[in-house]
Amino acid sequence: GLKPQAPTPSRGSALHGSGQCRPCAWFWRPGSCQNEADCNHCHLCSEGEFKVRKKAKQAMLRLGLATPKPAANANSEQDVLRQALSLAASFGEE
């Protein structure tokens, strides 16, 4: 692995003691996290924690024990219907 860095607490490290933090994927990589103390992810987690949690999440999803979160930019059902109606109306005008 890489040389251990001195943990530098980030904004996202506040929940580290409770286990509710989200490990920073960039902190242990060459060049480290560019957000430094302003990062919303935890810099106190160990080097492999991000990968461990990602694999656990994938296993939970695969087993049906968790449901994926909708994408942040996903349209609501009403927005999709509005777009479809607008598109249908534009075809009717031609």
Protein backbone atom coordinates (compact mmCIF):
# COMPACT_ATOMS: atom_id res chain seq x y z
CA GLY A 1 0.00 0.00 0.00
CA LEU A 2 0.88 3.63 0.14
CA LYS A 3 2.76 5.23 2.96
CA PRO A 4 0.28 5.97 5.76
CA GLN A 5 -0.65 9.62 5.93
CA ALA A 6 -1.28 11.44 9.14
CA PRO A 7 -5.08 11.53 9.36
CA THR A 8 -6.33 15.03 8.78
CA PRO A 9 -9.90 15.40 9.98
CA SER A 10 -12.30 16.65 7.36
CA ARG A 11 -15.85 17.93 7.66
CA GLY A 12 -17.05 14.41 6.83
CA SER A 13 -14.98 12.91 9.67
CA ALA A 14 -17.39 14.22 12.34
CA LEU A 15 -19.40 10.96 12.34
CA HIS A 16 -16.33 8.67 12.27
CA GLY A 17 -16.71 7.50 15.89
CA SER A 18 -20.33 6.45 15.30
CA GLY A 19 -19.58 4.42 12.17
CA GLN A 20 -22.02 6.58 10.20
CA CYS A 21 -19.31 8.39 8.23
CA ARG A 22 -18.64 7.90 4.51
CA PRO A 23 -14.97 7.13 3.72
CA CYS A 24 -13.22 9.40 1.23
CA ALA A 25 -12.30 7.50 -1.93
CA TRP A 26 -9.48 9.95 -2.71
CA PHE A 27 -7.70 10.43 0.64
CA TRP A 28 -5.43 7.36 0.35
CA ARG A 29 -4.65 7.78 -3.37
CA PRO A 30 -1.54 9.46 -4.76
CA GLY A 31 -2.10 13.21 -4.56
CA SER A 32 -4.66 12.68 -1.76
CA CYS A 33 -8.00 14.47 -1.48
CA GLN A 34 -8.01 17.90 -3.07
CA ASN A 35 -10.83 19.10 -0.79
CA GLU A 36 -8.73 18.59 2.35
CA ALA A 37 -10.57 19.80 5.49
CA ASP A 38 -13.61 20.89 3.42
CA CYS A 39 -14.23 17.31 2.20
CA ASN A 40 -17.67 15.92 3.10
CA HIS A 41 -16.22 12.41 3.38
CA CYS A 42 -14.21 10.89 6.22
CA HIS A 43 -10.40 11.10 6.23
CA LEU A 44 -10.06 9.11 9.47
CA CYS A 45 -11.14 5.75 8.01
CA SER A 46 -8.39 3.24 7.26
CA GLU A 47 -6.98 2.81 3.75
CA GLY A 48 -9.19 -0.15 2.74
CA GLU A 49 -12.46 0.97 4.38
CA PHE A 50 -13.96 2.52 1.21
CA LYS A 51 -13.53 -0.73 -0.71
CA VAL A 52 -14.87 -2.86 2.20
CA ARG A 53 -18.03 -0.77 2.49
CA LYS A 54 -18.55 -0.68 -1.28
CA LYS A 55 -18.35 -4.48 -1.50
CA ALA A 56 -20.73 -4.86 1.46
CA LYS A 57 -23.22 -2.48 -0.16
CA GLN A 58 -23.05 -4.39 -3.46
CA ALA A 59 -23.67 -7.68 -1.63
CA MET A 60 -26.69 -6.19 0.19
CA LEU A 61 -28.13 -4.96 -3.12
CA ARG A 62 -27.50 -8.32 -4.78
CA LEU A 63 -29.25 -10.18 -1.94
CA GLY A 64 -32.21 -7.78 -2.03
CA LEU A 65 -31.51 -6.57 1.51
CA ALA A 66 -31.21 -2.97 0.34
CA THR A 67 -32.64 -0.89 -2.48
CA PRO A 68 -30.54 1.48 -4.59
CA LYS A 69 -31.03 5.18 -4.02
CA PRO A 70 -32.51 7.06 -6.99
CA ALA A 71 -30.00 9.19 -8.85
CA ALA A 72 -29.81 12.75 -7.59
CA ASN A 73 -30.69 14.07 -11.03
CA ALA A 74 -33.49 11.56 -11.68
CA ASN A 75 -36.70 13.17 -12.84
CA SER A 76 -39.85 12.73 -10.84
CA GLU A 77 -42.64 10.73 -12.43
CA GLN A 78 -44.60 13.95 -13.01
CA ASP A 79 -41.65 15.55 -14.83
CA VAL A 80 -41.36 12.51 -17.10
CA LEU A 81 -45.10 12.66 -17.89
CA ARG A 82 -44.87 16.40 -18.64
CA GLN A 83 -41.95 15.82 -21.00
CA ALA A 84 -43.81 13.00 -22.76
CA LEU A 85 -46.94 15.12 -23.20
CA SER A 86 -44.89 18.03 -24.48
CA LEU A 87 -43.09 15.81 -26.94
CA ALA A 88 -46.39 14.26 -28.10
CA ALA A 89 -47.89 17.74 -28.56
CA SER A 90 -44.92 18.88 -30.65
CA PHE A 91 -45.39 15.90 -32.99
CA GLY A 92 -49.10 16.74 -33.31
CA GLU A 93 -48.31 20.30 -34.48
CA GLU A 94 -46.33 19.22 -37.55
